Amino acid sequence: MSAIFDRTVTQKRARDVVPERGMRYEAFETVATGIRCSIQLKKSRRATGYPEDDTGSEQWQIFVTRCHDGDFARNDILVDDLERELRVEAAYPTPLGWNLLASDWTVGARR
C-alpha cells in the first residue's frame, strides 16, 4: 500500500428486486473489493438564512488509484476499511484515477 492511497473500500451497486409478493426493494451486490484510495473530509454548509437552522453536512472527497480498472456511478455505496458507508454523489475519471464526491449513507437514508 502506498503512502498516498492508504485506505481501501468495497464498492456495492444497487439492483432492483421484484418479489412475487410485496413491494419492490433495493438489494446491493458487491462489485469490487480492496480498492485502494485516499479519503479526505470536505465540509460544506447548508445555509438557510437563519443562523439557528444552519446545519453542516459532511462530504468526502475520494481519490481512487489509476490501477482500478472498474468504473463508478452515482449512488454506488462504498464501504471503507473503518466500516463507514458512503454514497457516491459524483464520479469522474481523471488521468490519475477516479475523483469521487461522497456523503454519509446513514440508516435513515436507506429505503
PDB file of N, CA and C in Angstrom:
ATOM      1  N   MET A   1       0.846  -1.172   0.000  1.00  0.00           N
ATOM      2  CA  MET A   1       0.000   0.000   0.000  1.00  0.00           C
ATOM      3  C   MET A   1       0.890   1.233   0.000  1.00  0.00           C
ATOM      4  N   SER A   2       0.517   2.218  -0.782  1.00  0.00           N
ATOM      5  CA  SER A   2       1.341   3.425  -0.866  1.00  0.00           C
ATOM      6  C   SER A   2       0.950   4.424   0.218  1.00  0.00           C
ATOM      7  N   ALA A   3       1.771   5.444   0.362  1.00  0.00           N
ATOM      8  CA  ALA A   3       1.508   6.467   1.374  1.00  0.00           C
ATOM      9  C   ALA A   3       0.353   7.370   0.963  1.00  0.00           C
ATOM     10  N   ILE A   4       0.137   7.524  -0.328  1.00  0.00           N
ATOM     11  CA  ILE A   4      -0.946   8.398  -0.798  1.00  0.00           C
ATOM     12  C   ILE A   4      -2.284   7.668  -0.751  1.00  0.00           C
ATOM     13  N   PHE A   5      -2.348   6.477  -1.304  1.00  0.00           N
ATOM     14  CA  PHE A   5      -3.576   5.692  -1.310  1.00  0.00           C
ATOM     15  C   PHE A   5      -3.522   4.708  -0.148  1.00  0.00           C
ATOM     16  N   ASP A   6      -3.816   5.225   1.044  1.00  0.00           N
ATOM     17  CA  ASP A   6      -3.615   4.468   2.274  1.00  0.00           C
ATOM     18  C   ASP A   6      -4.866   3.777   2.800  1.00  0.00           C
ATOM     19  N   ARG A   7      -5.978   3.854   2.085  1.00  0.00           N
ATOM     20  CA  ARG A   7      -7.236   3.257   2.542  1.00  0.00           C
ATOM     21  C   ARG A   7      -7.763   2.292   1.486  1.00  0.00           C
ATOM     22  N   THR A   8      -8.711   1.452   1.859  1.00  0.00           N
ATOM     23  CA  THR A   8      -9.364   0.563   0.901  1.00  0.00           C
ATOM     24  C   THR A   8     -10.875   0.668   1.073  1.00  0.00           C
ATOM     25  N   VAL A   9     -11.597   0.460  -0.011  1.00  0.00           N
ATOM     26  CA  VAL A   9     -13.054   0.470   0.018  1.00  0.00           C
ATOM     27  C   VAL A   9     -13.593  -0.734  -0.745  1.00  0.00           C
ATOM     28  N   THR A  10     -14.822  -1.093  -0.420  1.00  0.00           N
ATOM     29  CA  THR A  10     -15.580  -2.094  -1.146  1.00  0.00           C
ATOM     30  C   THR A  10     -16.707  -1.367  -1.855  1.00  0.00           C
ATOM     31  N   GLN A  11     -16.881  -1.638  -3.138  1.00  0.00           N
ATOM     32  CA  GLN A  11     -17.896  -0.961  -3.935  1.00  0.00           C
ATOM     33  C   GLN A  11     -19.121  -1.854  -4.078  1.00  0.00           C
ATOM     34  N   LYS A  12     -20.288  -1.284  -3.784  1.00  0.00           N
ATOM     35  CA  LYS A  12     -21.556  -2.001  -3.930  1.00  0.00           C
ATOM     36  C   LYS A  12     -22.469  -1.195  -4.842  1.00  0.00           C
ATOM     37  N   ARG A  13     -23.289  -1.892  -5.621  1.00  0.00           N
ATOM     38  CA  ARG A  13     -24.205  -1.226  -6.538  1.00  0.00           C
ATOM     39  C   ARG A  13     -25.610  -1.782  -6.317  1.00  0.00           C
ATOM     40  N   ALA A  14     -26.578  -0.908  -6.383  1.00  0.00           N
ATOM     41  CA  ALA A  14     -27.974  -1.299  -6.154  1.00  0.00           C
ATOM     42  C   ALA A  14     -28.536  -2.011  -7.373  1.00  0.00           C
ATOM     43  N   ARG A  15     -29.397  -2.963  -7.095  1.00  0.00           N
ATOM     44  CA  ARG A  15     -30.167  -3.598  -8.160  1.00  0.00           C
ATOM     45  C   ARG A  15     -31.579  -3.774  -7.633  1.00  0.00           C
ATOM     46  N   ASP A  16     -32.537  -3.573  -8.509  1.00  0.00           N
ATOM     47  CA  ASP A  16     -33.938  -3.705  -8.107  1.00  0.00           C
ATOM     48  C   ASP A  16     -34.311  -5.176  -7.979  1.00  0.00           C
ATOM     49  N   VAL A  17     -35.053  -5.473  -6.944  1.00  0.00           N
ATOM     50  CA  VAL A  17     -35.549  -6.821  -6.723  1.00  0.00           C
ATOM     51  C   VAL A  17     -37.066  -6.751  -6.702  1.00  0.00           C
ATOM     52  N   VAL A  18     -37.685  -7.567  -7.523  1.00  0.00           N
ATOM     53  CA  VAL A  18     -39.141  -7.604  -7.570  1.00  0.00           C
ATOM     54  C   VAL A  18     -39.574  -8.961  -7.019  1.00  0.00           C
ATOM     55  N   PRO A  19     -40.071  -8.978  -5.794  1.00  0.00           N
ATOM     56  CA  PRO A  19     -40.503 -10.254  -5.215  1.00  0.00           C
ATOM     57  C   PRO A  19     -41.852 -10.683  -5.791  1.00  0.00           C
ATOM     58  N   GLU A  20     -42.204 -11.944  -5.543  1.00  0.00           N
ATOM     59  CA  GLU A  20     -43.501 -12.435  -6.010  1.00  0.00           C
ATOM     60  C   GLU A  20     -44.643 -11.704  -5.315  1.00  0.00           C
ATOM     61  N   ARG A  21     -44.442 -11.354  -4.061  1.00  0.00           N
ATOM     62  CA  ARG A  21     -45.456 -10.622  -3.301  1.00  0.00           C
ATOM     63  C   ARG A  21     -44.784  -9.435  -2.630  1.00  0.00           C
ATOM     64  N   GLY A  22     -45.520  -8.397  -2.426  1.00  0.00           N
ATOM     65  CA  GLY A  22     -44.986  -7.251  -1.715  1.00  0.00           C
ATOM     66  C   GLY A  22     -44.426  -6.190  -2.639  1.00  0.00           C
ATOM     67  N   MET A  23     -43.697  -5.286  -2.053  1.00  0.00           N
ATOM     68  CA  MET A  23     -43.184  -4.138  -2.795  1.00  0.00           C
ATOM     69  C   MET A  23     -41.777  -4.387  -3.310  1.00  0.00           C
ATOM     70  N   ARG A  24     -41.424  -3.669  -4.352  1.00  0.00           N
ATOM     71  CA  ARG A  24     -40.074  -3.709  -4.907  1.00  0.00           C
ATOM     72  C   ARG A  24     -39.110  -3.094  -3.892  1.00  0.00           C
ATOM     73  N   TYR A  25     -37.919  -3.606  -3.812  1.00  0.00           N
ATOM     74  CA  TYR A  25     -36.925  -3.054  -2.897  1.00  0.00           C
ATOM     75  C   TYR A  25     -35.551  -3.105  -3.568  1.00  0.00           C
ATOM     76  N   GLU A  26     -34.607  -2.410  -2.966  1.00  0.00           N
ATOM     77  CA  GLU A  26     -33.245  -2.374  -3.481  1.00  0.00           C
ATOM     78  C   GLU A  26     -32.383  -3.369  -2.723  1.00  0.00           C
ATOM     79  N   ALA A  27     -31.630  -4.129  -3.468  1.00  0.00           N
ATOM     80  CA  ALA A  27     -30.627  -5.003  -2.873  1.00  0.00           C
ATOM     81  C   ALA A  27     -29.282  -4.561  -3.439  1.00  0.00           C
ATOM     82  N   PHE A  28     -28.241  -4.771  -2.691  1.00  0.00           N
ATOM     83  CA  PHE A  28     -26.924  -4.324  -3.123  1.00  0.00           C
ATOM     84  C   PHE A  28     -26.033  -5.521  -3.369  1.00  0.00           C
ATOM     85  N   GLU A  29     -25.327  -5.481  -4.499  1.00  0.00           N
ATOM     86  CA  GLU A  29     -24.377  -6.533  -4.812  1.00  0.00           C
ATOM     87  C   GLU A  29     -22.975  -5.940  -4.828  1.00  0.00           C
ATOM     88  N   THR A  30     -22.021  -6.708  -4.376  1.00  0.00           N
ATOM     89  CA  THR A  30     -20.640  -6.244  -4.333  1.00  0.00           C
ATOM     90  C   THR A  30     -20.059  -6.275  -5.735  1.00  0.00           C
ATOM     91  N   VAL A  31     -19.502  -5.134  -6.154  1.00  0.00           N
ATOM     92  CA  VAL A  31     -18.912  -5.006  -7.478  1.00  0.00           C
ATOM     93  C   VAL A  31     -17.409  -5.260  -7.403  1.00  0.00           C
ATOM     94  N   ALA A  32     -16.741  -4.656  -6.419  1.00  0.00           N
ATOM     95  CA  ALA A  32     -15.292  -4.807  -6.274  1.00  0.00           C
ATOM     96  C   ALA A  32     -14.912  -4.643  -4.804  1.00  0.00           C
ATOM     97  N   THR A  33     -13.835  -5.296  -4.408  1.00  0.00           N
ATOM     98  CA  THR A  33     -13.329  -5.179  -3.045  1.00  0.00           C
ATOM     99  C   THR A  33     -11.854  -4.809  -3.074  1.00  0.00           C
ATOM    100  N   GLY A  34     -11.384  -4.231  -1.983  1.00  0.00           N
ATOM    101  CA  GLY A  34      -9.968  -3.902  -1.855  1.00  0.00           C
ATOM    102  C   GLY A  34      -9.493  -2.805  -2.783  1.00  0.00           C
ATOM    103  N   ILE A  35     -10.349  -1.860  -3.104  1.00  0.00           N
ATOM    104  CA  ILE A  35      -9.982  -0.758  -3.991  1.00  0.00           C
ATOM    105  C   ILE A  35      -9.148   0.237  -3.198  1.00  0.00           C
ATOM    106  N   ARG A  36      -7.923   0.488  -3.640  1.00  0.00           N
ATOM    107  CA  ARG A  36      -7.037   1.432  -2.944  1.00  0.00           C
ATOM    108  C   ARG A  36      -7.452   2.854  -3.244  1.00  0.00           C
ATOM    109  N   CYS A  37      -7.498   3.684  -2.187  1.00  0.00           N
ATOM    110  CA  CYS A  37      -7.963   5.059  -2.361  1.00  0.00           C
ATOM    111  C   CYS A  37      -7.423   5.948  -1.247  1.00  0.00           C
ATOM    112  N   SER A  38      -7.722   7.224  -1.386  1.00  0.00           N
ATOM    113  CA  SER A  38      -7.449   8.222  -0.356  1.00  0.00           C
ATOM    114  C   SER A  38      -8.768   8.901  -0.051  1.00  0.00           C
ATOM    115  N   ILE A  39      -9.138   8.983   1.225  1.00  0.00           N
ATOM    116  CA  ILE A  39     -10.411   9.585   1.633  1.00  0.00           C
ATOM    117  C   ILE A  39     -10.097  10.830   2.450  1.00  0.00           C
ATOM    118  N   GLN A  40     -10.647  11.965   2.016  1.00  0.00           N
ATOM    119  CA  GLN A  40     -10.404  13.230   2.695  1.00  0.00           C
ATOM    120  C   GLN A  40     -11.733  13.900   3.014  1.00  0.00           C
ATOM    121  N   LEU A  41     -11.811  14.472   4.196  1.00  0.00           N
ATOM    122  CA  LEU A  41     -13.026  15.160   4.620  1.00  0.00           C
ATOM    123  C   LEU A  41     -13.158  16.487   3.889  1.00  0.00           C
ATOM    124  N   LYS A  42     -14.356  16.741   3.385  1.00  0.00           N
ATOM    125  CA  LYS A  42     -14.652  18.013   2.726  1.00  0.00           C
ATOM    126  C   LYS A  42     -15.962  18.489   3.329  1.00  0.00           C
ATOM    127  N   LYS A  43     -15.914  19.537   4.122  1.00  0.00           N
ATOM    128  CA  LYS A  43     -17.120  20.028   4.790  1.00  0.00           C
ATOM    129  C   LYS A  43     -17.834  21.036   3.920  1.00  0.00           C
ATOM    130  N   SER A  44     -19.131  20.994   3.983  1.00  0.00           N
ATOM    131  CA  SER A  44     -19.948  22.010   3.316  1.00  0.00           C
ATOM    132  C   SER A  44     -21.083  22.373   4.263  1.00  0.00           C
ATOM    133  N   ARG A  45     -21.579  23.558   4.130  1.00  0.00           N
ATOM    134  CA  ARG A  45     -22.663  24.014   5.000  1.00  0.00           C
ATOM    135  C   ARG A  45     -23.876  24.329   4.155  1.00  0.00           C
ATOM    136  N   ARG A  46     -25.007  23.984   4.673  1.00  0.00           N
ATOM    137  CA  ARG A  46     -26.263  24.301   4.016  1.00  0.00           C
ATOM    138  C   ARG A  46     -26.835  25.521   4.725  1.00  0.00           C
ATOM    139  N   ALA A  47     -26.772  26.656   4.062  1.00  0.00           N
ATOM    140  CA  ALA A  47     -27.244  27.902   4.666  1.00  0.00           C
ATOM    141  C   ALA A  47     -28.716  28.114   4.333  1.00  0.00           C
ATOM    142  N   THR A  48     -29.516  28.329   5.367  1.00  0.00           N
ATOM    143  CA  THR A  48     -30.949  28.551   5.170  1.00  0.00           C
ATOM    144  C   THR A  48     -31.313  30.016   5.316  1.00  0.00           C
ATOM    145  N   GLY A  49     -30.384  30.825   5.787  1.00  0.00           N
ATOM    146  CA  GLY A  49     -30.681  32.224   6.022  1.00  0.00           C
ATOM    147  C   GLY A  49     -30.937  32.518   7.490  1.00  0.00           C
ATOM    148  N   TYR A  50     -31.201  31.467   8.262  1.00  0.00           N
ATOM    149  CA  TYR A  50     -31.418  31.611   9.698  1.00  0.00           C
ATOM    150  C   TYR A  50     -30.288  30.899  10.431  1.00  0.00           C
ATOM    151  N   PRO A  51     -29.507  31.627  11.234  1.00  0.00           N
ATOM    152  CA  PRO A  51     -28.347  31.006  11.891  1.00  0.00           C
ATOM    153  C   PRO A  51     -28.685  29.782  12.724  1.00  0.00           C
ATOM    154  N   GLU A  52     -29.845  29.781  13.363  1.00  0.00           N
ATOM    155  CA  GLU A  52     -30.185  28.636  14.207  1.00  0.00           C
ATOM    156  C   GLU A  52     -30.567  27.407  13.391  1.00  0.00           C
ATOM    157  N   ASP A  53     -30.901  27.585  12.102  1.00  0.00           N
ATOM    158  CA  ASP A  53     -31.275  26.462  11.250  1.00  0.00           C
ATOM    159  C   ASP A  53     -30.139  25.956  10.372  1.00  0.00           C
ATOM    160  N   ASP A  54     -29.016  26.664  10.359  1.00  0.00           N
ATOM    161  CA  ASP A  54     -27.893  26.230   9.524  1.00  0.00           C
ATOM    162  C   ASP A  54     -27.335  24.915  10.061  1.00  0.00           C
ATOM    163  N   THR A  55     -27.251  23.947   9.188  1.00  0.00           N
ATOM    164  CA  THR A  55     -26.706  22.654   9.577  1.00  0.00           C
ATOM    165  C   THR A  55     -25.545  22.306   8.658  1.00  0.00           C
ATOM    166  N   GLY A  56     -24.551  21.707   9.225  1.00  0.00           N
ATOM    167  CA  GLY A  56     -23.411  21.284   8.434  1.00  0.00           C
ATOM    168  C   GLY A  56     -23.629  19.882   7.894  1.00  0.00           C
ATOM    169  N   SER A  57     -23.161  19.653   6.718  1.00  0.00           N
ATOM    170  CA  SER A  57     -23.235  18.311   6.164  1.00  0.00           C
ATOM    171  C   SER A  57     -21.823  17.898   5.762  1.00  0.00           C
ATOM    172  N   GLU A  58     -21.457  16.687   6.105  1.00  0.00           N
ATOM    173  CA  GLU A  58     -20.119  16.212   5.786  1.00  0.00           C
ATOM    174  C   GLU A  58     -20.116  15.563   4.415  1.00  0.00           C
ATOM    175  N   GLN A  59     -19.134  15.944   3.643  1.00  0.00           N
ATOM    176  CA  GLN A  59     -18.905  15.304   2.360  1.00  0.00           C
ATOM    177  C   GLN A  59     -17.467  14.810   2.341  1.00  0.00           C
ATOM    178  N   TRP A  60     -17.222  13.789   1.557  1.00  0.00           N
ATOM    179  CA  TRP A  60     -15.913  13.161   1.499  1.00  0.00           C
ATOM    180  C   TRP A  60     -15.407  13.186   0.070  1.00  0.00           C
ATOM    181  N   GLN A  61     -14.165  13.597  -0.097  1.00  0.00           N
ATOM    182  CA  GLN A  61     -13.502  13.575  -1.394  1.00  0.00           C
ATOM    183  C   GLN A  61     -12.676  12.292  -1.430  1.00  0.00           C
ATOM    184  N   ILE A  62     -12.936  11.443  -2.420  1.00  0.00           N
ATOM    185  CA  ILE A  62     -12.259  10.157  -2.514  1.00  0.00           C
ATOM    186  C   ILE A  62     -11.487  10.103  -3.830  1.00  0.00           C
ATOM    187  N   PHE A  63     -10.211   9.823  -3.725  1.00  0.00           N
ATOM    188  CA  PHE A  63      -9.353   9.680  -4.897  1.00  0.00           C
ATOM    189  C   PHE A  63      -8.984   8.205  -5.027  1.00  0.00           C
ATOM    190  N   VAL A  64      -9.327   7.609  -6.155  1.00  0.00           N
ATOM    191  CA  VAL A  64      -9.058   6.192  -6.394  1.00  0.00           C
ATOM    192  C   VAL A  64      -7.889   6.072  -7.356  1.00  0.00           C
ATOM    193  N   THR A  65      -6.981   5.169  -7.049  1.00  0.00           N
ATOM    194  CA  THR A  65      -5.801   4.977  -7.868  1.00  0.00           C
ATOM    195  C   THR A  65      -6.145   4.543  -9.293  1.00  0.00           C
ATOM    196  N   ARG A  66      -5.284   4.853 -10.219  1.00  0.00           N
ATOM    197  CA  ARG A  66      -5.482   4.528 -11.626  1.00  0.00           C
ATOM    198  C   ARG A  66      -5.433   3.017 -11.847  1.00  0.00           C
ATOM    199  N   CYS A  67      -4.898   2.274 -10.905  1.00  0.00           N
ATOM    200  CA  CYS A  67      -4.791   0.816 -11.032  1.00  0.00           C
ATOM    201  C   CYS A  67      -6.160   0.135 -11.038  1.00  0.00           C
ATOM    202  N   HIS A  68      -7.191   0.789 -10.526  1.00  0.00           N
ATOM    203  CA  HIS A  68      -8.538   0.212 -10.506  1.00  0.00           C
ATOM    204  C   HIS A  68      -9.123   0.290 -11.910  1.00  0.00           C
ATOM    205  N   ASP A  69      -9.467  -0.847 -12.487  1.00  0.00           N
ATOM    206  CA  ASP A  69      -9.940  -0.873 -13.865  1.00  0.00           C
ATOM    207  C   ASP A  69     -11.463  -0.831 -13.996  1.00  0.00           C
ATOM    208  N   GLY A  70     -12.172  -0.749 -12.899  1.00  0.00           N
ATOM    209  CA  GLY A  70     -13.630  -0.669 -12.945  1.00  0.00           C
ATOM    210  C   GLY A  70     -14.107   0.758 -13.098  1.00  0.00           C
ATOM    211  N   ASP A  71     -15.410   0.941 -12.998  1.00  0.00           N
ATOM    212  CA  ASP A  71     -15.977   2.280 -13.076  1.00  0.00           C
ATOM    213  C   ASP A  71     -16.849   2.529 -11.852  1.00  0.00           C
ATOM    214  N   PHE A  72     -17.189   3.794 -11.669  1.00  0.00           N
ATOM    215  CA  PHE A  72     -18.046   4.200 -10.561  1.00  0.00           C
ATOM    216  C   PHE A  72     -19.247   4.935 -11.131  1.00  0.00           C
ATOM    217  N   ALA A  73     -20.370   4.856 -10.432  1.00  0.00           N
ATOM    218  CA  ALA A  73     -21.586   5.538 -10.857  1.00  0.00           C
ATOM    219  C   ALA A  73     -22.213   6.233  -9.663  1.00  0.00           C
ATOM    220  N   ARG A  74     -23.057   7.187  -9.959  1.00  0.00           N
ATOM    221  CA  ARG A  74     -23.777   7.880  -8.900  1.00  0.00           C
ATOM    222  C   ARG A  74     -24.635   6.875  -8.145  1.00  0.00           C
ATOM    223  N   ASN A  75     -24.718   7.042  -6.842  1.00  0.00           N
ATOM    224  CA  ASN A  75     -25.477   6.192  -5.919  1.00  0.00           C
ATOM    225  C   ASN A  75     -24.816   4.858  -5.617  1.00  0.00           C
ATOM    226  N   ASP A  76     -23.591   4.622  -6.083  1.00  0.00           N
ATOM    227  CA  ASP A  76     -22.845   3.458  -5.616  1.00  0.00           C
ATOM    228  C   ASP A  76     -22.558   3.640  -4.130  1.00  0.00           C
ATOM    229  N   ILE A  77     -22.480   2.547  -3.409  1.00  0.00           N
ATOM    230  CA  ILE A  77     -22.170   2.591  -1.989  1.00  0.00           C
ATOM    231  C   ILE A  77     -20.736   2.099  -1.809  1.00  0.00           C
ATOM    232  N   LEU A  78     -19.949   2.872  -1.075  1.00  0.00           N
ATOM    233  CA  LEU A  78     -18.575   2.497  -0.765  1.00  0.00           C
ATOM    234  C   LEU A  78     -18.472   2.233   0.731  1.00  0.00           C
ATOM    235  N   VAL A  79     -17.987   1.071   1.090  1.00  0.00           N
ATOM    236  CA  VAL A  79     -17.766   0.724   2.494  1.00  0.00           C
ATOM    237  C   VAL A  79     -16.262   0.752   2.712  1.00  0.00           C
ATOM    238  N   ASP A  80     -15.800   1.679   3.569  1.00  0.00           N
ATOM    239  CA  ASP A  80     -14.356   1.806   3.766  1.00  0.00           C
ATOM    240  C   ASP A  80     -13.850   0.823   4.809  1.00  0.00           C
ATOM    241  N   ASP A  81     -12.551   0.839   5.030  1.00  0.00           N
ATOM    242  CA  ASP A  81     -11.929  -0.095   5.959  1.00  0.00           C
ATOM    243  C   ASP A  81     -12.305   0.169   7.412  1.00  0.00           C
ATOM    244  N   LEU A  82     -12.945   1.288   7.699  1.00  0.00           N
ATOM    245  CA  LEU A  82     -13.446   1.583   9.048  1.00  0.00           C
ATOM    246  C   LEU A  82     -14.934   1.270   9.180  1.00  0.00           C
ATOM    247  N   GLU A  83     -15.494   0.580   8.162  1.00  0.00           N
ATOM    248  CA  GLU A  83     -16.907   0.181   8.103  1.00  0.00           C
ATOM    249  C   GLU A  83     -17.859   1.371   7.957  1.00  0.00           C
ATOM    250  N   ARG A  84     -17.379   2.508   7.492  1.00  0.00           N
ATOM    251  CA  ARG A  84     -18.235   3.667   7.210  1.00  0.00           C
ATOM    252  C   ARG A  84     -18.807   3.496   5.811  1.00  0.00           C
ATOM    253  N   GLU A  85     -20.103   3.725   5.667  1.00  0.00           N
ATOM    254  CA  GLU A  85     -20.751   3.592   4.369  1.00  0.00           C
ATOM    255  C   GLU A  85     -20.961   4.978   3.768  1.00  0.00           C
ATOM    256  N   LEU A  86     -20.491   5.150   2.538  1.00  0.00           N
ATOM    257  CA  LEU A  86     -20.577   6.424   1.839  1.00  0.00           C
ATOM    258  C   LEU A  86     -21.305   6.220   0.513  1.00  0.00           C
ATOM    259  N   ARG A  87     -22.165   7.174   0.151  1.00  0.00           N
ATOM    260  CA  ARG A  87     -22.891   7.127  -1.118  1.00  0.00           C
ATOM    261  C   ARG A  87     -22.233   8.079  -2.095  1.00  0.00           C
ATOM    262  N   VAL A  88     -21.906   7.601  -3.282  1.00  0.00           N
ATOM    263  CA  VAL A  88     -21.260   8.418  -4.305  1.00  0.00           C
ATOM    264  C   VAL A  88     -22.277   9.402  -4.877  1.00  0.00           C
ATOM    265  N   GLU A  89     -21.951  10.689  -4.803  1.00  0.00           N
ATOM    266  CA  GLU A  89     -22.807  11.726  -5.364  1.00  0.00           C
ATOM    267  C   GLU A  89     -22.347  12.146  -6.752  1.00  0.00           C
ATOM    268  N   ALA A  90     -21.036  12.124  -6.971  1.00  0.00           N
ATOM    269  CA  ALA A  90     -20.474  12.483  -8.270  1.00  0.00           C
ATOM    270  C   ALA A  90     -19.206  11.675  -8.484  1.00  0.00           C
ATOM    271  N   ALA A  91     -18.998  11.248  -9.721  1.00  0.00           N
ATOM    272  CA  ALA A  91     -17.809  10.463 -10.045  1.00  0.00           C
ATOM    273  C   ALA A  91     -17.323  10.855 -11.433  1.00  0.00           C
ATOM    274  N   TYR A  92     -16.033  11.136 -11.528  1.00  0.00           N
ATOM    275  CA  TYR A  92     -15.480  11.400 -12.854  1.00  0.00           C
ATOM    276  C   TYR A  92     -14.033  10.928 -12.915  1.00  0.00           C
ATOM    277  N   PRO A  93     -13.653  10.371 -14.070  1.00  0.00           N
ATOM    278  CA  PRO A  93     -12.285   9.872 -14.229  1.00  0.00           C
ATOM    279  C   PRO A  93     -11.326  11.013 -14.562  1.00  0.00           C
ATOM    280  N   THR A  94     -10.105  10.878 -14.107  1.00  0.00           N
ATOM    281  CA  THR A  94      -9.030  11.814 -14.424  1.00  0.00           C
ATOM    282  C   THR A  94      -7.843  10.986 -14.914  1.00  0.00           C
ATOM    283  N   PRO A  95      -6.825  11.618 -15.469  1.00  0.00           N
ATOM    284  CA  PRO A  95      -5.648  10.853 -15.892  1.00  0.00           C
ATOM    285  C   PRO A  95      -4.942  10.138 -14.737  1.00  0.00           C
ATOM    286  N   LEU A  96      -5.151  10.598 -13.518  1.00  0.00           N
ATOM    287  CA  LEU A  96      -4.509   9.978 -12.353  1.00  0.00           C
ATOM    288  C   LEU A  96      -5.384   8.935 -11.666  1.00  0.00           C
ATOM    289  N   GLY A  97      -6.630   8.789 -12.077  1.00  0.00           N
ATOM    290  CA  GLY A  97      -7.552   7.846 -11.451  1.00  0.00           C
ATOM    291  C   GLY A  97      -8.940   8.458 -11.361  1.00  0.00           C
ATOM    292  N   TRP A  98      -9.739   7.963 -10.447  1.00  0.00           N
ATOM    293  CA  TRP A  98     -11.103   8.460 -10.257  1.00  0.00           C
ATOM    294  C   TRP A  98     -11.145   9.509  -9.152  1.00  0.00           C
ATOM    295  N   ASN A  99     -11.987  10.513  -9.336  1.00  0.00           N
ATOM    296  CA  ASN A  99     -12.246  11.533  -8.330  1.00  0.00           C
ATOM    297  C   ASN A  99     -13.721  11.406  -7.964  1.00  0.00           C
ATOM    298  N   LEU A 100     -14.014  11.102  -6.698  1.00  0.00           N
ATOM    299  CA  LEU A 100     -15.384  10.864  -6.250  1.00  0.00           C
ATOM    300  C   LEU A 100     -15.760  11.852  -5.153  1.00  0.00           C
ATOM    301  N   LEU A 101     -16.994  12.281  -5.169  1.00  0.00           N
ATOM    302  CA  LEU A 101     -17.556  13.074  -4.084  1.00  0.00           C
ATOM    303  C   LEU A 101     -18.636  12.211  -3.452  1.00  0.00           C
ATOM    304  N   ALA A 102     -18.534  11.983  -2.137  1.00  0.00           N
ATOM    305  CA  ALA A 102     -19.465  11.088  -1.458  1.00  0.00           C
ATOM    306  C   ALA A 102     -19.969  11.726  -0.176  1.00  0.00           C
ATOM    307  N   SER A 103     -21.109  11.221   0.296  1.00  0.00           N
ATOM    308  CA  SER A 103     -21.663  11.683   1.565  1.00  0.00           C
ATOM    309  C   SER A 103     -21.996  10.462   2.408  1.00  0.00           C
ATOM    310  N   ASP A 104     -22.174  10.691   3.719  1.00  0.00           N
ATOM    311  CA  ASP A 104     -22.518   9.596   4.622  1.00  0.00           C
ATOM    312  C   ASP A 104     -23.848   8.996   4.210  1.00  0.00           C
ATOM    313  N   TRP A 105     -23.914   7.689   4.225  1.00  0.00           N
ATOM    314  CA  TRP A 105     -25.142   6.970   3.903  1.00  0.00           C
ATOM    315  C   TRP A 105     -25.614   6.326   5.193  1.00  0.00           C
ATOM    316  N   THR A 106     -26.518   7.015   5.880  1.00  0.00           N
ATOM    317  CA  THR A 106     -26.941   6.550   7.206  1.00  0.00           C
ATOM    318  C   THR A 106     -28.139   5.646   7.099  1.00  0.00           C
ATOM    319  N   VAL A 107     -28.457   5.024   8.199  1.00  0.00           N
ATOM    320  CA  VAL A 107     -29.597   4.097   8.235  1.00  0.00           C
ATOM    321  C   VAL A 107     -30.883   4.822   7.863  1.00  0.00           C
ATOM    322  N   GLY A 108     -31.025   6.073   8.254  1.00  0.00           N
ATOM    323  CA  GLY A 108     -32.228   6.833   7.936  1.00  0.00           C
ATOM    324  C   GLY A 108     -32.386   7.103   6.460  1.00  0.00           C
ATOM    325  N   ALA A 109     -31.297   7.107   5.724  1.00  0.00           N
ATOM    326  CA  ALA A 109     -31.362   7.386   4.294  1.00  0.00           C
ATOM    327  C   ALA A 109     -31.663   6.136   3.470  1.00  0.00           C
ATOM    328  N   ARG A 110     -31.555   4.974   4.081  1.00  0.00           N
ATOM    329  CA  ARG A 110     -31.806   3.725   3.362  1.00  0.00           C
ATOM    330  C   ARG A 110     -33.292   3.516   3.168  1.00  0.00           C
ATOM    331  N   ARG A 111     -33.603   2.886   2.079  1.00  0.00           N
ATOM    332  CA  ARG A 111     -35.020   2.594   1.783  1.00  0.00           C
ATOM    333  C   ARG A 111     -35.280   1.130   1.835  1.00  0.00           C
TER     334      ARG A 111
END
